[in-house]
C-alpha atoms as a PDB file:
ATOM      1  CA  UNK A   1      11.696  34.857  -8.450  1.00  0.00           C
ATOM      2  CA  UNK A   2      11.177  32.146 -11.037  1.00  0.00           C
ATOM      3  CA  UNK A   3       8.379  29.632 -10.565  1.00  0.00           C
ATOM      4  CA  UNK A   4       9.446  26.164  -9.490  1.00  0.00           C
ATOM      5  CA  UNK A   5       9.012  24.769 -13.009  1.00  0.00           C
ATOM      6  CA  UNK A   6      11.818  27.043 -14.244  1.00  0.00           C
ATOM      7  CA  UNK A   7      14.239  26.625 -11.338  1.00  0.00           C
ATOM      8  CA  UNK A   8      16.787  23.905 -11.954  1.00  0.00           C
ATOM      9  CA  UNK A   9      20.074  22.692 -10.592  1.00  0.00           C
ATOM     10  CA  UNK A  10      23.420  23.596 -12.126  1.00  0.00           C
ATOM     11  CA  UNK A  11      24.695  20.078 -12.779  1.00  0.00           C
ATOM     12  CA  UNK A  12      24.231  17.443 -15.431  1.00  0.00           C
ATOM     13  CA  UNK A  13      26.013  14.789 -13.353  1.00  0.00           C
ATOM     14  CA  UNK A  14      24.994  14.334  -9.726  1.00  0.00           C
ATOM     15  CA  UNK A  15      28.603  14.197  -8.584  1.00  0.00           C
ATOM     16  CA  UNK A  16      28.974  17.827  -9.707  1.00  0.00           C
ATOM     17  CA  UNK A  17      26.038  19.051  -7.629  1.00  0.00           C
ATOM     18  CA  UNK A  18      26.526  21.690  -4.974  1.00  0.00           C
ATOM     19  CA  UNK A  19      24.969  22.176  -1.561  1.00  0.00           C
ATOM     20  CA  UNK A  20      22.755  24.846  -3.142  1.00  0.00           C
ATOM     21  CA  UNK A  21      21.649  22.456  -5.888  1.00  0.00           C
ATOM     22  CA  UNK A  22      20.559  19.844  -3.376  1.00  0.00           C
ATOM     23  CA  UNK A  23      18.879  22.446  -1.167  1.00  0.00           C
ATOM     24  CA  UNK A  24      16.891  23.564  -4.217  1.00  0.00           C
ATOM     25  CA  UNK A  25      15.882  19.988  -5.011  1.00  0.00           C
ATOM     26  CA  UNK A  26      14.717  19.428  -1.445  1.00  0.00           C
ATOM     27  CA  UNK A  27      12.688  22.645  -1.545  1.00  0.00           C
ATOM     28  CA  UNK A  28      11.091  21.833  -4.889  1.00  0.00           C
ATOM     29  CA  UNK A  29      10.374  18.226  -3.929  1.00  0.00           C
ATOM     30  CA  UNK A  30       8.392  19.080  -0.800  1.00  0.00           C
ATOM     31  CA  UNK A  31       5.107  20.034  -2.541  1.00  0.00           C
ATOM     32  CA  UNK A  32       5.393  16.904  -4.681  1.00  0.00           C
ATOM     33  CA  UNK A  33       5.975  14.728  -1.623  1.00  0.00           C
ATOM     34  CA  UNK A  34       2.977  16.316   0.080  1.00  0.00           C
ATOM     35  CA  UNK A  35       0.832  15.216  -2.865  1.00  0.00           C
ATOM     36  CA  UNK A  36       1.620  11.532  -2.313  1.00  0.00           C
ATOM     37  CA  UNK A  37      -1.696  10.678  -0.639  1.00  0.00           C
ATOM     38  CA  UNK A  38      -3.717  12.044  -3.554  1.00  0.00           C
ATOM     39  CA  UNK A  39      -1.541  10.229  -6.108  1.00  0.00           C
ATOM     40  CA  UNK A  40      -1.946   6.992  -4.155  1.00  0.00           C
ATOM     41  CA  UNK A  41      -5.724   7.377  -4.143  1.00  0.00           C
ATOM     42  CA  UNK A  42      -5.729   7.988  -7.912  1.00  0.00           C
ATOM     43  CA  UNK A  43      -3.486   4.938  -8.411  1.00  0.00           C
ATOM     44  CA  UNK A  44      -6.274   2.671  -7.163  1.00  0.00           C
ATOM     45  CA  UNK A  45      -8.475   3.477 -10.164  1.00  0.00           C
ATOM     46  CA  UNK A  46      -6.728   1.076 -12.612  1.00  0.00           C
ATOM     47  CA  UNK A  47      -7.634  -1.819 -10.312  1.00  0.00           C
ATOM     48  CA  UNK A  48     -11.000  -1.770 -12.094  1.00  0.00           C
ATOM     49  CA  UNK A  49      -9.125  -3.443 -14.966  1.00  0.00           C
ATOM     50  CA  UNK A  50      -7.127  -6.172 -13.274  1.00  0.00           C
ATOM     51  CA  UNK A  51      -7.638  -9.894 -12.731  1.00  0.00           C
ATOM     52  CA  UNK A  52     -10.994 -10.698 -14.293  1.00  0.00           C
ATOM     53  CA  UNK A  53     -13.134 -13.582 -13.087  1.00  0.00           C
ATOM     54  CA  UNK A  54     -14.018 -12.693  -9.509  1.00  0.00           C
ATOM     55  CA  UNK A  55     -17.476 -11.370  -8.675  1.00  0.00           C
ATOM     56  CA  UNK A  56     -15.892  -7.991  -7.867  1.00  0.00           C
ATOM     57  CA  UNK A  57     -12.906  -6.267  -9.460  1.00  0.00           C
ATOM     58  CA  UNK A  58      -9.742  -5.537  -7.471  1.00  0.00           C
ATOM     59  CA  UNK A  59     -10.824  -1.928  -6.919  1.00  0.00           C
ATOM     60  CA  UNK A  60     -14.009  -3.106  -5.192  1.00  0.00           C
ATOM     61  CA  UNK A  61     -12.036  -5.834  -3.410  1.00  0.00           C
ATOM     62  CA  UNK A  62      -9.633  -3.228  -2.040  1.00  0.00           C
ATOM     63  CA  UNK A  63     -12.457  -0.981  -0.848  1.00  0.00           C
ATOM     64  CA  UNK A  64     -14.252  -3.951   0.651  1.00  0.00           C
ATOM     65  CA  UNK A  65     -11.134  -5.142   2.499  1.00  0.00           C
ATOM     66  CA  UNK A  66     -10.614  -1.654   3.938  1.00  0.00           C
ATOM     67  CA  UNK A  67     -14.296  -1.336   4.815  1.00  0.00           C
ATOM     68  CA  UNK A  68     -14.213  -4.603   6.725  1.00  0.00           C
ATOM     69  CA  UNK A  69     -11.080  -3.532   8.604  1.00  0.00           C
ATOM     70  CA  UNK A  70     -12.598  -0.141   9.394  1.00  0.00           C
ATOM     71  CA  UNK A  71     -15.860  -1.637  10.638  1.00  0.00           C
ATOM     72  CA  UNK A  72     -13.898  -4.026  12.854  1.00  0.00           C
ATOM     73  CA  UNK A  73     -12.250  -1.035  14.532  1.00  0.00           C
ATOM     74  CA  UNK A  74      -8.796  -1.331  12.969  1.00  0.00           C
ATOM     75  CA  UNK A  75      -6.485   1.663  13.305  1.00  0.00           C
ATOM     76  CA  UNK A  76      -5.797   4.057  10.402  1.00  0.00           C
ATOM     77  CA  UNK A  77      -2.558   2.327   9.487  1.00  0.00           C
ATOM     78  CA  UNK A  78      -4.235  -1.052   9.139  1.00  0.00           C
ATOM     79  CA  UNK A  79      -7.234   0.336   7.250  1.00  0.00           C
ATOM     80  CA  UNK A  80      -4.980   2.136   4.771  1.00  0.00           C
ATOM     81  CA  UNK A  81      -2.837  -0.982   4.391  1.00  0.00           C
ATOM     82  CA  UNK A  82      -6.018  -2.964   3.707  1.00  0.00           C
ATOM     83  CA  UNK A  83      -7.063  -0.422   1.088  1.00  0.00           C
ATOM     84  CA  UNK A  84      -3.688  -0.569  -0.664  1.00  0.00           C
ATOM     85  CA  UNK A  85      -2.732  -4.231  -0.188  1.00  0.00           C
ATOM     86  CA  UNK A  86      -3.416  -5.197  -3.829  1.00  0.00           C
ATOM     87  CA  UNK A  87      -2.401  -1.938  -5.535  1.00  0.00           C
ATOM     88  CA  UNK A  88       0.539  -3.768  -7.088  1.00  0.00           C
ATOM     89  CA  UNK A  89      -1.744  -6.006  -9.142  1.00  0.00           C
ATOM     90  CA  UNK A  90      -1.562  -3.581 -12.075  1.00  0.00           C
ATOM     91  CA  UNK A  91       2.211  -3.136 -12.441  1.00  0.00           C
ATOM     92  CA  UNK A  92       3.583  -6.086 -10.481  1.00  0.00           C
ATOM     93  CA  UNK A  93       1.096  -8.962 -10.689  1.00  0.00           C
ATOM     94  CA  UNK A  94       3.734 -11.560  -9.798  1.00  0.00           C
ATOM     95  CA  UNK A  95       4.974  -9.701  -6.718  1.00  0.00           C
ATOM     96  CA  UNK A  96       2.087  -7.392  -5.894  1.00  0.00           C
ATOM     97  CA  UNK A  97       2.568  -7.757  -2.142  1.00  0.00           C
ATOM     98  CA  UNK A  98       6.181  -6.560  -2.361  1.00  0.00           C
ATOM     99  CA  UNK A  99       5.049  -3.575  -4.435  1.00  0.00           C
ATOM    100  CA  UNK A 100       2.327  -2.536  -1.991  1.00  0.00           C
ATOM    101  CA  UNK A 101       4.538  -3.103   1.039  1.00  0.00           C
ATOM    102  CA  UNK A 102       7.393  -1.018  -0.330  1.00  0.00           C
ATOM    103  CA  UNK A 103       4.978   1.800  -1.097  1.00  0.00           C
ATOM    104  CA  UNK A 104       3.705   2.034   2.477  1.00  0.00           C
ATOM    105  CA  UNK A 105       6.933   1.087   4.269  1.00  0.00           C
ATOM    106  CA  UNK A 106       8.156   4.616   5.139  1.00  0.00           C
ATOM    107  CA  UNK A 107       4.808   5.522   6.724  1.00  0.00           C
ATOM    108  CA  UNK A 108       3.740   2.473   8.723  1.00  0.00           C
ATOM    109  CA  UNK A 109       5.037   0.283  11.527  1.00  0.00           C
ATOM    110  CA  UNK A 110       7.248  -2.716  10.823  1.00  0.00           C
ATOM    111  CA  UNK A 111       4.337  -5.011  11.698  1.00  0.00           C
ATOM    112  CA  UNK A 112       2.009  -3.405   9.170  1.00  0.00           C
ATOM    113  CA  UNK A 113       4.732  -3.414   6.517  1.00  0.00           C
ATOM    114  CA  UNK A 114       5.419  -7.121   7.141  1.00  0.00           C
ATOM    115  CA  UNK A 115       1.722  -7.971   7.086  1.00  0.00           C
ATOM    116  CA  UNK A 116       1.310  -6.483   3.619  1.00  0.00           C
ATOM    117  CA  UNK A 117       4.635  -7.882   2.398  1.00  0.00           C
ATOM    118  CA  UNK A 118       3.593 -11.417   3.359  1.00  0.00           C
ATOM    119  CA  UNK A 119      -0.159 -11.281   2.773  1.00  0.00           C
ATOM    120  CA  UNK A 120       0.142 -13.088  -0.569  1.00  0.00           C
ATOM    121  CA  UNK A 121       1.641 -16.152   1.103  1.00  0.00           C
ATOM    122  CA  UNK A 122      -0.870 -16.027   3.961  1.00  0.00           C
ATOM    123  CA  UNK A 123      -3.781 -15.574   1.558  1.00  0.00           C
ATOM    124  CA  UNK A 124      -2.552 -18.717  -0.193  1.00  0.00           C
ATOM    125  CA  UNK A 125      -3.942 -20.713   2.716  1.00  0.00           C
ATOM    126  CA  UNK A 126      -7.350 -20.341   1.065  1.00  0.00           C
ATOM    127  CA  UNK A 127      -6.411 -21.495  -2.439  1.00  0.00           C
ATOM    128  CA  UNK A 128      -2.822 -22.763  -2.908  1.00  0.00           C
ATOM    129  CA  UNK A 129      -3.954 -26.388  -2.579  1.00  0.00           C
ATOM    130  CA  UNK A 130      -6.129 -25.937  -5.692  1.00  0.00           C
ATOM    131  CA  UNK A 131      -2.941 -25.208  -7.643  1.00  0.00           C
ATOM    132  CA  UNK A 132      -0.962 -28.098  -6.201  1.00  0.00           C
ATOM    133  CA  UNK A 133       0.913 -25.854  -3.761  1.00  0.00           C
ATOM    134  CA  UNK A 134       1.218 -26.108   0.001  1.00  0.00           C
ATOM    135  CA  UNK A 135      -1.595 -24.110   1.565  1.00  0.00           C
ATOM    136  CA  UNK A 136       0.381 -24.061   4.820  1.00  0.00           C
ATOM    137  CA  UNK A 137       3.354 -22.248   3.286  1.00  0.00           C
ATOM    138  CA  UNK A 138       2.714 -19.449   5.770  1.00  0.00           C
ATOM    139  CA  UNK A 139       3.877 -21.767   8.569  1.00  0.00           C
ATOM    140  CA  UNK A 140       7.489 -20.993   7.691  1.00  0.00           C
ATOM    141  CA  UNK A 141       6.822 -17.606   9.291  1.00  0.00           C
ATOM    142  CA  UNK A 142       5.283 -18.923  12.513  1.00  0.00           C
ATOM    143  CA  UNK A 143       6.898 -17.178  15.431  1.00  0.00           C
ATOM    144  CA  UNK A 144       7.213 -13.848  13.624  1.00  0.00           C
ATOM    145  CA  UNK A 145       5.734 -11.037  15.748  1.00  0.00           C
ATOM    146  CA  UNK A 146       3.233 -10.164  12.978  1.00  0.00           C
ATOM    147  CA  UNK A 147       2.269 -13.765  12.125  1.00  0.00           C
ATOM    148  CA  UNK A 148      -1.092 -13.826  13.923  1.00  0.00           C
ATOM    149  CA  UNK A 149      -1.912 -10.312  12.752  1.00  0.00           C
ATOM    150  CA  UNK A 150      -1.367 -11.380   9.141  1.00  0.00           C
ATOM    151  CA  UNK A 151      -3.467 -14.526   9.609  1.00  0.00           C
ATOM    152  CA  UNK A 152      -6.250 -12.308  10.976  1.00  0.00           C
ATOM    153  CA  UNK A 153      -5.884  -9.768   8.133  1.00  0.00           C
ATOM    154  CA  UNK A 154      -6.411 -12.495   5.558  1.00  0.00           C
ATOM    155  CA  UNK A 155      -9.095 -14.431   7.462  1.00  0.00           C
ATOM    156  CA  UNK A 156     -11.293 -11.517   8.524  1.00  0.00           C
ATOM    157  CA  UNK A 157     -10.851  -9.052   5.692  1.00  0.00           C
ATOM    158  CA  UNK A 158      -8.862 -10.037   2.595  1.00  0.00           C
ATOM    159  CA  UNK A 159     -10.324 -13.466   1.765  1.00  0.00           C
ATOM    160  CA  UNK A 160     -13.820 -12.271   2.682  1.00  0.00           C
ATOM    161  CA  UNK A 161     -13.800  -9.266   0.337  1.00  0.00           C
ATOM    162  CA  UNK A 162     -15.233 -10.693  -2.884  1.00  0.00           C
ATOM    163  CA  UNK A 163     -18.925 -10.175  -2.154  1.00  0.00           C
ATOM    164  CA  UNK A 164     -20.795  -8.089  -4.751  1.00  0.00           C
ATOM    165  CA  UNK A 165     -23.626  -7.524  -2.257  1.00  0.00           C
ATOM    166  CA  UNK A 166     -21.484  -6.199   0.580  1.00  0.00           C
ATOM    167  CA  UNK A 167     -22.213  -2.615   1.670  1.00  0.00           C
ATOM    168  CA  UNK A 168     -18.778  -1.255   0.757  1.00  0.00           C
ATOM    169  CA  UNK A 169     -17.717   2.241   1.771  1.00  0.00           C
ATOM    170  CA  UNK A 170     -16.692   4.580  -1.084  1.00  0.00           C
ATOM    171  CA  UNK A 171     -13.090   5.602  -1.668  1.00  0.00           C
ATOM    172  CA  UNK A 172     -13.812   9.100  -0.380  1.00  0.00           C
ATOM    173  CA  UNK A 173     -14.512   7.666   3.064  1.00  0.00           C
ATOM    174  CA  UNK A 174     -10.867   6.575   3.261  1.00  0.00           C
ATOM    175  CA  UNK A 175      -9.314   9.805   1.968  1.00  0.00           C
ATOM    176  CA  UNK A 176      -8.742  11.319   5.458  1.00  0.00           C
ATOM    177  CA  UNK A 177      -7.001   8.182   6.746  1.00  0.00           C
ATOM    178  CA  UNK A 178      -4.825   7.934   3.622  1.00  0.00           C
ATOM    179  CA  UNK A 179      -3.809  11.555   4.167  1.00  0.00           C
ATOM    180  CA  UNK A 180      -3.062  10.977   7.848  1.00  0.00           C
ATOM    181  CA  UNK A 181      -0.750   8.088   6.961  1.00  0.00           C
ATOM    182  CA  UNK A 182       1.001   9.578   3.927  1.00  0.00           C
ATOM    183  CA  UNK A 183       1.291  13.033   5.472  1.00  0.00           C
ATOM    184  CA  UNK A 184       3.421  11.548   8.246  1.00  0.00           C
ATOM    185  CA  UNK A 185       7.114  12.250   8.256  1.00  0.00           C
ATOM    186  CA  UNK A 186       8.592   9.113   6.687  1.00  0.00           C
ATOM    187  CA  UNK A 187      10.350   6.934   9.260  1.00  0.00           C
ATOM    188  CA  UNK A 188      13.457   7.058   7.055  1.00  0.00           C
ATOM    189  CA  UNK A 189      13.589  10.866   6.996  1.00  0.00           C
ATOM    190  CA  UNK A 190      15.554  11.086  10.230  1.00  0.00           C
ATOM    191  CA  UNK A 191      18.144   8.690   8.799  1.00  0.00           C
ATOM    192  CA  UNK A 192      18.643  10.630   5.566  1.00  0.00           C
END
Protein backbone atom coordinates (compact mmCIF):
# COMPACT_ATOMS: atom_id res chain seq x y z
CA UNK A 1 0.00 0.00 0.00
CA UNK A 2 1.23 3.48 -0.83
CA UNK A 3 1.83 5.96 1.98
CA UNK A 4 -0.75 8.70 2.33
CA UNK A 5 1.52 11.27 0.67
CA UNK A 6 1.37 9.28 -2.58
CA UNK A 7 -2.33 8.40 -2.57
CA UNK A 8 -4.42 10.87 -4.52
CA UNK A 9 -7.85 11.18 -6.01
CA UNK A 10 -8.59 10.51 -9.67
CA UNK A 11 -10.11 13.88 -10.55
CA UNK A 12 -8.84 17.30 -11.47
CA UNK A 13 -12.31 18.86 -11.15
CA UNK A 14 -14.35 18.14 -8.04
CA UNK A 15 -17.48 17.48 -10.08
CA UNK A 16 -15.72 14.45 -11.59
CA UNK A 17 -14.91 12.90 -8.22
CA UNK A 18 -16.19 9.47 -7.32
CA UNK A 19 -17.44 8.00 -4.06
CA UNK A 20 -14.04 6.30 -3.73
CA UNK A 21 -12.22 9.59 -4.25
CA UNK A 22 -14.16 11.27 -1.47
CA UNK A 23 -13.77 8.26 0.82
CA UNK A 24 -10.01 8.49 0.28
CA UNK A 25 -10.01 12.21 1.08
CA UNK A 26 -11.96 11.62 4.28
CA UNK A 27 -9.53 8.87 5.31
CA UNK A 28 -6.45 10.96 4.57
CA UNK A 29 -7.88 14.06 6.24
CA UNK A 30 -8.53 12.39 9.59
CA UNK A 31 -4.92 12.46 10.89
CA UNK A 32 -4.65 16.09 9.78
CA UNK A 33 -7.88 16.99 11.56
CA UNK A 34 -6.65 15.24 14.70
CA UNK A 35 -3.60 17.52 14.66
CA UNK A 36 -5.71 20.68 14.93
CA UNK A 37 -5.07 21.25 18.65
CA UNK A 38 -1.30 21.20 18.18
CA UNK A 39 -1.49 23.55 15.18
CA UNK A 40 -3.68 25.93 17.18
CA UNK A 41 -1.18 25.97 20.03
CA UNK A 42 1.67 26.71 17.59
CA UNK A 43 -0.42 29.49 16.00
CA UNK A 44 -0.29 31.46 19.25
CA UNK A 45 3.47 31.99 18.95
CA UNK A 46 3.28 34.89 16.42
CA UNK A 47 1.28 36.89 18.97
CA UNK A 48 4.67 37.82 20.44
CA UNK A 49 4.93 40.18 17.45
CA UNK A 50 1.58 41.92 17.36
CA UNK A 51 0.28 45.25 18.63
CA UNK A 52 3.22 46.90 20.35
CA UNK A 53 2.77 49.40 23.16
CA UNK A 54 1.12 47.42 25.95
CA UNK A 55 3.16 46.27 28.93
CA UNK A 56 2.72 42.67 27.73
CA UNK A 57 2.53 41.30 24.20
CA UNK A 58 -0.62 39.59 22.90
CA UNK A 59 0.88 36.15 23.56
CA UNK A 60 1.29 36.99 27.25
CA UNK A 61 -2.11 38.70 27.24
CA UNK A 62 -3.72 35.54 25.88
CA UNK A 63 -2.02 33.33 28.46
CA UNK A 64 -2.92 35.77 31.21
CA UNK A 65 -6.59 35.91 30.14
CA UNK A 66 -6.76 32.10 30.13
CA UNK A 67 -4.94 31.90 33.46
CA UNK A 68 -7.42 34.27 35.06
CA UNK A 69 -10.35 32.28 33.68
CA UNK A 70 -8.82 29.01 34.84
CA UNK A 71 -8.13 30.32 38.34
CA UNK A 72 -11.71 31.57 38.56
CA UNK A 73 -12.93 28.02 37.91
CA UNK A 74 -14.12 28.47 34.33
CA UNK A 75 -14.81 25.31 32.33
CA UNK A 76 -12.42 24.02 29.65
CA UNK A 77 -14.40 25.60 26.84
CA UNK A 78 -14.23 29.05 28.40
CA UNK A 79 -10.55 28.74 29.32
CA UNK A 80 -9.63 27.68 25.78
CA UNK A 81 -11.76 30.48 24.35
CA UNK A 82 -9.94 32.91 26.65
CA UNK A 83 -6.59 31.56 25.45
CA UNK A 84 -7.55 31.95 21.79
CA UNK A 85 -9.71 35.09 21.88
CA UNK A 86 -7.05 37.33 20.27
CA UNK A 87 -5.41 34.78 17.96
CA UNK A 88 -6.79 36.71 14.99
CA UNK A 89 -4.66 39.75 15.79
CA UNK A 90 -1.91 38.49 13.47
CA UNK A 91 -3.89 37.80 10.28
CA UNK A 92 -7.11 39.72 10.87
CA UNK A 93 -6.36 42.74 13.07
CA UNK A 94 -9.51 44.56 11.97
CA UNK A 95 -11.83 41.63 12.68
CA UNK A 96 -9.82 39.50 15.07
CA UNK A 97 -12.87 38.49 17.10
CA UNK A 98 -14.60 37.06 14.02
CA UNK A 99 -11.43 35.12 13.16
CA UNK A 100 -11.08 33.60 16.62
CA UNK A 101 -14.78 32.83 16.90
CA UNK A 102 -14.93 31.06 13.55
CA UNK A 103 -11.93 28.96 14.52
CA UNK A 104 -13.55 27.64 17.70
CA UNK A 105 -17.16 27.55 16.47
CA UNK A 106 -17.36 23.83 15.57
CA UNK A 107 -16.05 22.80 19.00
CA UNK A 108 -17.80 25.06 21.50
CA UNK A 109 -21.31 25.98 22.58
CA UNK A 110 -23.21 28.78 20.87
CA UNK A 111 -22.75 30.93 23.98
CA UNK A 112 -18.98 30.56 23.96
CA UNK A 113 -18.84 31.20 20.22
CA UNK A 114 -20.95 34.36 20.61
CA UNK A 115 -18.86 35.57 23.54
CA UNK A 116 -15.68 35.43 21.48
CA UNK A 117 -17.39 36.80 18.36
CA UNK A 118 -18.58 39.87 20.27
CA UNK A 119 -15.76 40.35 22.77
CA UNK A 120 -14.21 43.17 20.71
CA UNK A 121 -17.35 45.28 21.05
CA UNK A 122 -17.72 44.44 24.74
CA UNK A 123 -14.05 45.16 25.41
CA UNK A 124 -14.65 48.57 23.83
CA UNK A 125 -16.48 49.57 27.00
CA UNK A 126 -13.04 50.16 28.53
CA UNK A 127 -11.57 52.35 25.79
CA UNK A 128 -13.93 53.31 22.93
CA UNK A 129 -14.66 56.69 24.52
CA UNK A 130 -10.95 57.59 24.18
CA UNK A 131 -11.36 57.24 20.41
CA UNK A 132 -14.58 59.22 20.21
CA UNK A 133 -16.73 56.08 19.97
CA UNK A 134 -19.64 54.98 22.12
CA UNK A 135 -18.29 52.88 24.97
CA UNK A 136 -21.80 51.49 25.48
CA UNK A 137 -21.99 50.02 21.98
CA UNK A 138 -22.40 46.61 23.61
CA UNK A 139 -25.86 47.68 24.80
CA UNK A 140 -27.27 46.87 21.37
CA UNK A 141 -26.84 43.23 22.39
CA UNK A 142 -28.56 43.51 25.78
CA UNK A 143 -31.04 40.69 26.10
CA UNK A 144 -28.86 38.19 24.25
CA UNK A 145 -28.48 34.99 26.31
CA UNK A 146 -24.67 35.40 26.37
CA UNK A 147 -24.66 39.16 27.10
CA UNK A 148 -23.82 38.95 30.81
CA UNK A 149 -21.31 36.17 30.20
CA UNK A 150 -19.48 38.36 27.69
CA UNK A 151 -19.53 41.36 30.05
CA UNK A 152 -17.99 39.11 32.71
CA UNK A 153 -15.39 37.70 30.29
CA UNK A 154 -14.16 41.19 29.48
CA UNK A 155 -14.45 42.62 33.01
CA UNK A 156 -12.83 39.77 34.94
CA UNK A 157 -10.30 38.41 32.48
CA UNK A 158 -9.72 40.19 29.16
CA UNK A 159 -9.36 43.83 30.26
CA UNK A 160 -7.39 42.77 33.34
CA UNK A 161 -4.76 40.79 31.43
CA UNK A 162 -2.08 43.39 30.73
CA UNK A 163 -0.09 43.05 33.94
CA UNK A 164 3.61 42.21 33.46
CA UNK A 165 3.84 41.12 37.10
CA UNK A 166 0.94 38.67 37.04
CA UNK A 167 1.84 35.03 37.76
CA UNK A 168 0.76 33.71 34.36
CA UNK A 169 0.55 29.99 33.67
CA UNK A 170 2.68 28.69 30.76
CA UNK A 171 1.15 27.56 27.49
CA UNK A 172 1.87 23.93 28.34
CA UNK A 173 -0.57 24.14 31.24
CA UNK A 174 -3.38 24.70 28.72
CA UNK A 175 -2.38 21.97 26.25
CA UNK A 176 -4.67 19.29 27.77
CA UNK A 177 -7.72 21.58 27.69
CA UNK A 178 -6.99 22.66 24.11
CA UNK A 179 -6.81 18.99 23.14
CA UNK A 180 -10.05 18.17 24.95
CA UNK A 181 -11.85 20.92 23.04
CA UNK A 182 -10.34 20.40 19.59
CA UNK A 183 -10.45 16.61 19.83
CA UNK A 184 -14.23 16.80 20.14
CA UNK A 185 -16.34 15.75 17.21
CA UNK A 186 -17.22 19.06 15.55
CA UNK A 187 -20.86 20.00 16.12
CA UNK A 188 -21.24 20.32 12.34
CA UNK A 189 -20.01 16.78 11.65
CA UNK A 190 -23.44 15.24 12.13
CA UNK A 191 -24.87 17.69 9.60
CA UNK A 192 -22.28 16.96 6.91
